[in-house]
C-alpha atoms as a PDB file:
ATOM      1  CA  UNK A   1     109.055  99.448 156.158  1.00  0.00           C
ATOM      2  CA  UNK A   2     108.725  96.436 154.056  1.00  0.00           C
ATOM      3  CA  UNK A   3     111.888  94.224 153.310  1.00  0.00           C
ATOM      4  CA  UNK A   4     111.939  95.165 149.552  1.00  0.00           C
ATOM      5  CA  UNK A   5     111.608  98.863 150.047  1.00  0.00           C
ATOM      6  CA  UNK A   6     114.217  98.650 152.826  1.00  0.00           C
ATOM      7  CA  UNK A   7     116.688  96.942 150.309  1.00  0.00           C
ATOM      8  CA  UNK A   8     116.236  99.592 147.489  1.00  0.00           C
ATOM      9  CA  UNK A   9     116.831 102.322 149.611  1.00  0.00           C
ATOM     10  CA  UNK A  10     120.101 100.678 151.004  1.00  0.00           C
ATOM     11  CA  UNK A  11     121.132 100.571 147.331  1.00  0.00           C
ATOM     12  CA  UNK A  12     120.304 104.126 146.981  1.00  0.00           C
ATOM     13  CA  UNK A  13     122.349 105.177 150.117  1.00  0.00           C
ATOM     14  CA  UNK A  14     125.456 103.136 148.896  1.00  0.00           C
ATOM     15  CA  UNK A  15     125.237 104.645 145.248  1.00  0.00           C
ATOM     16  CA  UNK A  16     124.929 108.176 146.722  1.00  0.00           C
ATOM     17  CA  UNK A  17     128.079 107.435 149.190  1.00  0.00           C
ATOM     18  CA  UNK A  18     130.465 106.099 146.083  1.00  0.00           C
ATOM     19  CA  UNK A  19     129.214 109.391 144.121  1.00  0.00           C
ATOM     20  CA  UNK A  20     129.864 111.514 146.981  1.00  0.00           C
ATOM     21  CA  UNK A  21     133.361 109.759 147.474  1.00  0.00           C
ATOM     22  CA  UNK A  22     133.954 110.226 143.691  1.00  0.00           C
ATOM     23  CA  UNK A  23     133.104 114.065 143.716  1.00  0.00           C
ATOM     24  CA  UNK A  24     135.805 114.687 146.674  1.00  0.00           C
ATOM     25  CA  UNK A  25     138.153 112.941 144.286  1.00  0.00           C
ATOM     26  CA  UNK A  26     137.314 114.813 141.398  1.00  0.00           C
ATOM     27  CA  UNK A  27     137.691 118.418 143.126  1.00  0.00           C
ATOM     28  CA  UNK A  28     141.408 117.614 143.547  1.00  0.00           C
ATOM     29  CA  UNK A  29     141.708 117.476 139.738  1.00  0.00           C
ATOM     30  CA  UNK A  30     140.482 120.696 138.176  1.00  0.00           C
ATOM     31  CA  UNK A  31     142.791 121.167 135.560  1.00  0.00           C
ATOM     32  CA  UNK A  32     141.914 118.043 133.632  1.00  0.00           C
ATOM     33  CA  UNK A  33     140.532 118.709 130.042  1.00  0.00           C
ATOM     34  CA  UNK A  34     136.859 117.557 129.603  1.00  0.00           C
ATOM     35  CA  UNK A  35     135.647 115.069 127.648  1.00  0.00           C
ATOM     36  CA  UNK A  36     132.319 114.722 125.810  1.00  0.00           C
ATOM     37  CA  UNK A  37     129.579 115.241 128.123  1.00  0.00           C
ATOM     38  CA  UNK A  38     131.712 117.555 130.565  1.00  0.00           C
ATOM     39  CA  UNK A  39     133.660 114.303 131.940  1.00  0.00           C
ATOM     40  CA  UNK A  40     137.473 114.248 132.331  1.00  0.00           C
ATOM     41  CA  UNK A  41     139.347 111.891 129.903  1.00  0.00           C
ATOM     42  CA  UNK A  42     140.749 109.918 132.916  1.00  0.00           C
ATOM     43  CA  UNK A  43     141.926 106.204 132.358  1.00  0.00           C
ATOM     44  CA  UNK A  44     140.034 103.518 134.381  1.00  0.00           C
ATOM     45  CA  UNK A  45     141.795 102.387 137.719  1.00  0.00           C
ATOM     46  CA  UNK A  46     143.218 104.093 140.797  1.00  0.00           C
ATOM     47  CA  UNK A  47     145.191 107.598 140.267  1.00  0.00           C
ATOM     48  CA  UNK A  48     146.843 109.906 143.036  1.00  0.00           C
ATOM     49  CA  UNK A  49     145.330 113.082 143.779  1.00  0.00           C
ATOM     50  CA  UNK A  50     147.405 116.055 142.564  1.00  0.00           C
ATOM     51  CA  UNK A  51     148.514 117.040 146.040  1.00  0.00           C
ATOM     52  CA  UNK A  52     150.635 113.623 146.239  1.00  0.00           C
ATOM     53  CA  UNK A  53     151.708 112.237 149.592  1.00  0.00           C
ATOM     54  CA  UNK A  54     148.761 109.703 149.256  1.00  0.00           C
ATOM     55  CA  UNK A  55     146.113 112.411 150.237  1.00  0.00           C
ATOM     56  CA  UNK A  56     143.559 110.557 147.845  1.00  0.00           C
ATOM     57  CA  UNK A  57     142.997 107.916 145.441  1.00  0.00           C
ATOM     58  CA  UNK A  58     140.445 108.490 142.369  1.00  0.00           C
ATOM     59  CA  UNK A  59     138.942 106.106 140.567  1.00  0.00           C
ATOM     60  CA  UNK A  60     136.932 106.160 137.371  1.00  0.00           C
ATOM     61  CA  UNK A  61     135.130 103.774 135.151  1.00  0.00           C
ATOM     62  CA  UNK A  62     133.380 103.776 131.679  1.00  0.00           C
ATOM     63  CA  UNK A  63     129.987 102.410 131.568  1.00  0.00           C
ATOM     64  CA  UNK A  64     129.903  98.750 129.922  1.00  0.00           C
ATOM     65  CA  UNK A  65     127.102  97.391 127.879  1.00  0.00           C
ATOM     66  CA  UNK A  66     125.885  94.068 129.521  1.00  0.00           C
ATOM     67  CA  UNK A  67     124.117  93.142 126.182  1.00  0.00           C
ATOM     68  CA  UNK A  68     123.686  94.003 122.720  1.00  0.00           C
ATOM     69  CA  UNK A  69     120.470  96.312 123.416  1.00  0.00           C
ATOM     70  CA  UNK A  70     122.767  98.172 126.019  1.00  0.00           C
ATOM     71  CA  UNK A  71     125.758  98.618 123.731  1.00  0.00           C
ATOM     72  CA  UNK A  72     123.552 100.411 120.952  1.00  0.00           C
ATOM     73  CA  UNK A  73     122.030 102.576 123.597  1.00  0.00           C
ATOM     74  CA  UNK A  74     125.408 103.260 124.755  1.00  0.00           C
ATOM     75  CA  UNK A  75     126.838 103.867 121.260  1.00  0.00           C
ATOM     76  CA  UNK A  76     124.068 106.400 120.718  1.00  0.00           C
ATOM     77  CA  UNK A  77     124.767 108.313 123.840  1.00  0.00           C
ATOM     78  CA  UNK A  78     128.350 108.629 122.943  1.00  0.00           C
ATOM     79  CA  UNK A  79     127.418 109.887 119.476  1.00  0.00           C
ATOM     80  CA  UNK A  80     125.160 112.419 120.988  1.00  0.00           C
ATOM     81  CA  UNK A  81     127.861 113.753 123.349  1.00  0.00           C
ATOM     82  CA  UNK A  82     130.059 113.934 120.323  1.00  0.00           C
ATOM     83  CA  UNK A  83     127.638 115.479 117.529  1.00  0.00           C
ATOM     84  CA  UNK A  84     125.332 117.641 119.620  1.00  0.00           C
ATOM     85  CA  UNK A  85     127.871 119.111 121.983  1.00  0.00           C
ATOM     86  CA  UNK A  86     125.734 122.460 121.753  1.00  0.00           C
ATOM     87  CA  UNK A  87     122.938 121.086 123.108  1.00  0.00           C
ATOM     88  CA  UNK A  88     121.887 121.562 126.770  1.00  0.00           C
ATOM     89  CA  UNK A  89     122.303 117.989 128.772  1.00  0.00           C
ATOM     90  CA  UNK A  90     123.939 116.609 131.635  1.00  0.00           C
ATOM     91  CA  UNK A  91     127.429 115.558 131.955  1.00  0.00           C
ATOM     92  CA  UNK A  92     127.792 111.570 131.452  1.00  0.00           C
ATOM     93  CA  UNK A  93     128.251 110.640 134.892  1.00  0.00           C
ATOM     94  CA  UNK A  94     125.205 112.717 135.897  1.00  0.00           C
ATOM     95  CA  UNK A  95     123.270 110.805 133.375  1.00  0.00           C
ATOM     96  CA  UNK A  96     124.724 107.513 134.628  1.00  0.00           C
ATOM     97  CA  UNK A  97     123.720 108.506 138.193  1.00  0.00           C
ATOM     98  CA  UNK A  98     120.280 108.834 136.910  1.00  0.00           C
ATOM     99  CA  UNK A  99     120.191 105.591 135.386  1.00  0.00           C
ATOM    100  CA  UNK A 100     121.469 104.143 138.666  1.00  0.00           C
ATOM    101  CA  UNK A 101     118.651 105.714 140.738  1.00  0.00           C
ATOM    102  CA  UNK A 102     116.067 105.036 138.367  1.00  0.00           C
ATOM    103  CA  UNK A 103     117.168 100.964 138.305  1.00  0.00           C
ATOM    104  CA  UNK A 104     117.829 100.907 142.077  1.00  0.00           C
ATOM    105  CA  UNK A 105     114.505 102.179 143.568  1.00  0.00           C
ATOM    106  CA  UNK A 106     112.572 100.178 140.946  1.00  0.00           C
ATOM    107  CA  UNK A 107     110.973 103.104 139.450  1.00  0.00           C
ATOM    108  CA  UNK A 108     107.869 102.342 137.387  1.00  0.00           C
ATOM    109  CA  UNK A 109     106.621 106.251 136.875  1.00  0.00           C
ATOM    110  CA  UNK A 110     109.595 108.948 136.092  1.00  0.00           C
ATOM    111  CA  UNK A 111     108.825 112.490 135.020  1.00  0.00           C
ATOM    112  CA  UNK A 112     111.452 114.703 133.524  1.00  0.00           C
ATOM    113  CA  UNK A 113     111.086 118.552 133.182  1.00  0.00           C
ATOM    114  CA  UNK A 114     113.321 119.715 130.618  1.00  0.00           C
ATOM    115  CA  UNK A 115     114.616 117.382 128.013  1.00  0.00           C
ATOM    116  CA  UNK A 116     116.398 119.172 125.475  1.00  0.00           C
ATOM    117  CA  UNK A 117     117.745 116.532 122.792  1.00  0.00           C
ATOM    118  CA  UNK A 118     117.118 113.565 125.164  1.00  0.00           C
ATOM    119  CA  UNK A 119     120.426 112.660 126.718  1.00  0.00           C
ATOM    120  CA  UNK A 120     119.504 112.393 130.349  1.00  0.00           C
ATOM    121  CA  UNK A 121     116.192 110.857 129.255  1.00  0.00           C
ATOM    122  CA  UNK A 122     118.056 107.814 127.440  1.00  0.00           C
ATOM    123  CA  UNK A 123     120.067 107.244 130.356  1.00  0.00           C
ATOM    124  CA  UNK A 124     116.886 106.867 132.560  1.00  0.00           C
ATOM    125  CA  UNK A 125     115.296 104.720 130.016  1.00  0.00           C
ATOM    126  CA  UNK A 126     118.315 102.074 130.333  1.00  0.00           C
ATOM    127  CA  UNK A 127     117.201 101.694 134.092  1.00  0.00           C
ATOM    128  CA  UNK A 128     113.362 101.956 133.020  1.00  0.00           C
ATOM    129  CA  UNK A 129     114.061  98.911 130.626  1.00  0.00           C
ATOM    130  CA  UNK A 130     115.047  96.887 133.821  1.00  0.00           C
ATOM    131  CA  UNK A 131     112.116  98.001 135.853  1.00  0.00           C
ATOM    132  CA  UNK A 132     109.446  97.685 133.150  1.00  0.00           C
ATOM    133  CA  UNK A 133     108.590 101.598 133.948  1.00  0.00           C
ATOM    134  CA  UNK A 134     107.734 104.479 131.755  1.00  0.00           C
ATOM    135  CA  UNK A 135     109.091 108.120 131.243  1.00  0.00           C
ATOM    136  CA  UNK A 136     107.024 111.377 130.729  1.00  0.00           C
ATOM    137  CA  UNK A 137     109.436 113.947 129.824  1.00  0.00           C
ATOM    138  CA  UNK A 138     108.779 117.693 128.871  1.00  0.00           C
ATOM    139  CA  UNK A 139     110.179 120.248 126.467  1.00  0.00           C
ATOM    140  CA  UNK A 140     109.048 123.531 125.551  1.00  0.00           C
ATOM    141  CA  UNK A 141     111.246 124.040 122.405  1.00  0.00           C
ATOM    142  CA  UNK A 142     109.895 122.222 119.193  1.00  0.00           C
ATOM    143  CA  UNK A 143     113.125 121.761 117.543  1.00  0.00           C
ATOM    144  CA  UNK A 144     114.924 120.145 120.652  1.00  0.00           C
ATOM    145  CA  UNK A 145     111.852 118.037 121.197  1.00  0.00           C
ATOM    146  CA  UNK A 146     112.321 116.961 117.147  1.00  0.00           C
ATOM    147  CA  UNK A 147     115.581 116.124 117.954  1.00  0.00           C
ATOM    148  CA  UNK A 148     114.804 114.142 121.098  1.00  0.00           C
ATOM    149  CA  UNK A 149     112.433 111.965 119.334  1.00  0.00           C
ATOM    150  CA  UNK A 150     114.910 111.319 116.755  1.00  0.00           C
ATOM    151  CA  UNK A 151     117.388 110.276 119.328  1.00  0.00           C
ATOM    152  CA  UNK A 152     114.892 107.921 121.335  1.00  0.00           C
ATOM    153  CA  UNK A 153     114.058 106.212 118.196  1.00  0.00           C
ATOM    154  CA  UNK A 154     117.754 105.721 117.120  1.00  0.00           C
ATOM    155  CA  UNK A 155     118.523 104.386 120.702  1.00  0.00           C
ATOM    156  CA  UNK A 156     115.295 102.148 120.520  1.00  0.00           C
ATOM    157  CA  UNK A 157     113.773 103.602 123.526  1.00  0.00           C
ATOM    158  CA  UNK A 158     110.688 105.376 122.056  1.00  0.00           C
ATOM    159  CA  UNK A 159     108.599 102.824 123.463  1.00  0.00           C
ATOM    160  CA  UNK A 160     109.595 103.722 126.912  1.00  0.00           C
ATOM    161  CA  UNK A 161     109.191 107.393 126.617  1.00  0.00           C
ATOM    162  CA  UNK A 162     106.232 109.966 126.152  1.00  0.00           C
ATOM    163  CA  UNK A 163     107.444 113.411 125.019  1.00  0.00           C
ATOM    164  CA  UNK A 164     104.988 116.269 125.916  1.00  0.00           C
ATOM    165  CA  UNK A 165     105.752 119.674 124.203  1.00  0.00           C
ATOM    166  CA  UNK A 166     104.628 122.902 125.552  1.00  0.00           C
ATOM    167  CA  UNK A 167     105.054 125.029 128.814  1.00  0.00           C
ATOM    168  CA  UNK A 168     105.891 122.465 131.398  1.00  0.00           C
ATOM    169  CA  UNK A 169     104.493 124.792 134.125  1.00  0.00           C
ATOM    170  CA  UNK A 170     101.099 124.108 132.471  1.00  0.00           C
ATOM    171  CA  UNK A 171     101.484 120.502 131.450  1.00  0.00           C
ATOM    172  CA  UNK A 172     102.714 119.077 134.744  1.00  0.00           C
ATOM    173  CA  UNK A 173      99.342 119.981 136.030  1.00  0.00           C
ATOM    174  CA  UNK A 174      97.854 117.254 133.832  1.00  0.00           C
ATOM    175  CA  UNK A 175      99.884 114.404 135.870  1.00  0.00           C
ATOM    176  CA  UNK A 176      97.895 112.516 138.080  1.00  0.00           C
ATOM    177  CA  UNK A 177      99.752 109.172 138.707  1.00  0.00           C
ATOM    178  CA  UNK A 178     102.092 108.745 141.597  1.00  0.00           C
ATOM    179  CA  UNK A 179     105.895 109.601 140.505  1.00  0.00           C
ATOM    180  CA  UNK A 180     108.818 107.511 141.738  1.00  0.00           C
ATOM    181  CA  UNK A 181     111.485 109.901 140.693  1.00  0.00           C
ATOM    182  CA  UNK A 182     111.166 113.449 139.392  1.00  0.00           C
ATOM    183  CA  UNK A 183     113.897 114.910 137.445  1.00  0.00           C
ATOM    184  CA  UNK A 184     114.142 118.733 137.076  1.00  0.00           C
ATOM    185  CA  UNK A 185     116.522 120.180 134.548  1.00  0.00           C
ATOM    186  CA  UNK A 186     114.507 123.156 133.078  1.00  0.00           C
ATOM    187  CA  UNK A 187     114.327 126.858 133.943  1.00  0.00           C
ATOM    188  CA  UNK A 188     116.030 127.238 137.444  1.00  0.00           C
ATOM    189  CA  UNK A 189     113.729 130.006 138.733  1.00  0.00           C
ATOM    190  CA  UNK A 190     110.823 127.403 138.137  1.00  0.00           C
ATOM    191  CA  UNK A 191     111.890 124.781 139.914  1.00  0.00           C
ATOM    192  CA  UNK A 192     110.094 125.878 143.060  1.00  0.00           C
ATOM    193  CA  UNK A 193     106.917 125.948 141.050  1.00  0.00           C
ATOM    194  CA  UNK A 194     107.286 122.367 139.634  1.00  0.00           C
ATOM    195  CA  UNK A 195     108.225 121.243 143.190  1.00  0.00           C
ATOM    196  CA  UNK A 196     105.160 122.737 144.637  1.00  0.00           C
ATOM    197  CA  UNK A 197     102.975 121.247 142.127  1.00  0.00           C
ATOM    198  CA  UNK A 198     104.580 117.680 141.810  1.00  0.00           C
ATOM    199  CA  UNK A 199     105.883 116.986 145.297  1.00  0.00           C
ATOM    200  CA  UNK A 200     102.235 115.788 146.248  1.00  0.00           C
ATOM    201  CA  UNK A 201     102.496 112.942 143.583  1.00  0.00           C
ATOM    202  CA  UNK A 202     105.890 111.656 144.670  1.00  0.00           C
ATOM    203  CA  UNK A 203     105.243 108.703 146.617  1.00  0.00           C
ATOM    204  CA  UNK A 204     106.701 108.369 149.969  1.00  0.00           C
ATOM    205  CA  UNK A 205     110.424 106.705 149.293  1.00  0.00           C
ATOM    206  CA  UNK A 206     110.279 108.501 146.013  1.00  0.00           C
ATOM    207  CA  UNK A 207     113.040 110.893 144.868  1.00  0.00           C
ATOM    208  CA  UNK A 208     113.279 114.510 143.495  1.00  0.00           C
ATOM    209  CA  UNK A 209     116.466 114.939 141.413  1.00  0.00           C
ATOM    210  CA  UNK A 210     117.352 118.462 140.307  1.00  0.00           C
ATOM    211  CA  UNK A 211     120.471 119.412 138.104  1.00  0.00           C
ATOM    212  CA  UNK A 212     122.470 122.701 138.173  1.00  0.00           C
ATOM    213  CA  UNK A 213     121.920 123.162 141.817  1.00  0.00           C
ATOM    214  CA  UNK A 214     125.081 125.028 142.481  1.00  0.00           C
ATOM    215  CA  UNK A 215     126.042 128.387 143.852  1.00  0.00           C
ATOM    216  CA  UNK A 216     125.151 131.137 141.261  1.00  0.00           C
ATOM    217  CA  UNK A 217     122.650 128.826 139.267  1.00  0.00           C
ATOM    218  CA  UNK A 218     120.444 127.412 141.903  1.00  0.00           C
ATOM    219  CA  UNK A 219     117.118 129.338 142.951  1.00  0.00           C
ATOM    220  CA  UNK A 220     117.535 129.870 146.697  1.00  0.00           C
ATOM    221  CA  UNK A 221     113.634 129.317 147.452  1.00  0.00           C
ATOM    222  CA  UNK A 222     114.205 125.865 145.914  1.00  0.00           C
ATOM    223  CA  UNK A 223     117.137 124.915 147.888  1.00  0.00           C
ATOM    224  CA  UNK A 224     115.324 126.212 150.989  1.00  0.00           C
ATOM    225  CA  UNK A 225     112.235 124.280 150.360  1.00  0.00           C
ATOM    226  CA  UNK A 226     114.069 120.955 150.031  1.00  0.00           C
ATOM    227  CA  UNK A 227     116.398 121.683 152.976  1.00  0.00           C
ATOM    228  CA  UNK A 228     114.021 122.999 155.672  1.00  0.00           C
ATOM    229  CA  UNK A 229     111.036 120.685 155.041  1.00  0.00           C
ATOM    230  CA  UNK A 230     111.117 117.777 157.575  1.00  0.00           C
ATOM    231  CA  UNK A 231     109.488 115.423 155.420  1.00  0.00           C
ATOM    232  CA  UNK A 232     112.203 115.469 152.969  1.00  0.00           C
ATOM    233  CA  UNK A 233     116.108 114.624 153.209  1.00  0.00           C
ATOM    234  CA  UNK A 234     118.571 116.085 150.511  1.00  0.00           C
ATOM    235  CA  UNK A 235     121.984 115.723 149.723  1.00  0.00           C
ATOM    236  CA  UNK A 236     124.179 117.665 147.342  1.00  0.00           C
ATOM    237  CA  UNK A 237     126.389 115.987 144.731  1.00  0.00           C
ATOM    238  CA  UNK A 238     128.812 116.770 142.041  1.00  0.00           C
ATOM    239  CA  UNK A 239     128.896 113.189 140.111  1.00  0.00           C
ATOM    240  CA  UNK A 240     129.951 114.902 136.771  1.00  0.00           C
ATOM    241  CA  UNK A 241     130.266 118.839 136.628  1.00  0.00           C
ATOM    242  CA  UNK A 242     126.849 119.794 136.769  1.00  0.00           C
ATOM    243  CA  UNK A 243     125.789 119.794 140.506  1.00  0.00           C
ATOM    244  CA  UNK A 244     122.839 117.430 141.536  1.00  0.00           C
ATOM    245  CA  UNK A 245     120.591 117.533 144.566  1.00  0.00           C
ATOM    246  CA  UNK A 246     118.961 114.323 145.225  1.00  0.00           C
ATOM    247  CA  UNK A 247     115.949 114.599 147.862  1.00  0.00           C
ATOM    248  CA  UNK A 248     114.222 111.761 149.411  1.00  0.00           C
ATOM    249  CA  UNK A 249     110.701 112.047 150.390  1.00  0.00           C
ATOM    250  CA  UNK A 250     110.584 110.258 153.674  1.00  0.00           C
ATOM    251  CA  UNK A 251     107.933 107.457 154.349  1.00  0.00           C
END
């Protein structure tokens, strides 16, 4: 493994370790009211777990814009979470995790299946802004696709994203380039088909990230596929409230 790839992999492992720790802490506070995007409205800084007695300390942080461009994008994301709550999208911290993964592995080519109004795509576009990469996202619903394009333009990330309308089970067969990160957030029973069609294109060291991988939502065939293949390594997280699997395609 070359030094650059090794460094990127270490970054990803650190991020996953932090997310797992946060997930365990979040599990101690199930009664907190949700904030936009599905996140508890928690103050920044340490806080004792509900059990008391120092059994756990939870930390929370809000994203900070490093420059004016990032601040604008974060403002649009906040507005989307407030005004477009009825849309199918990931919780805020799940979106933040996607951005961290994209930027940390230096992703150049990202594919998203299931875009809805574009919330998760915009988070990933923040990471791609630094890597110089591109995102191809797929959405079957025309109204949601139109709203996503509008949101991409408002956030100023439309040049980074290509939105493909239509049945992704058909459209993804047209992809030919190597994929650095594949994000699945569409029909859950279709995950296994998307995996079978796109995993060969995921580069060694690349990631397959799937949303709503929880009991009662996840397709057992998909879970089996990402946990019994010796060429893959999978961890299950709960960064926000949606349930995420992160699968590494081993080198």
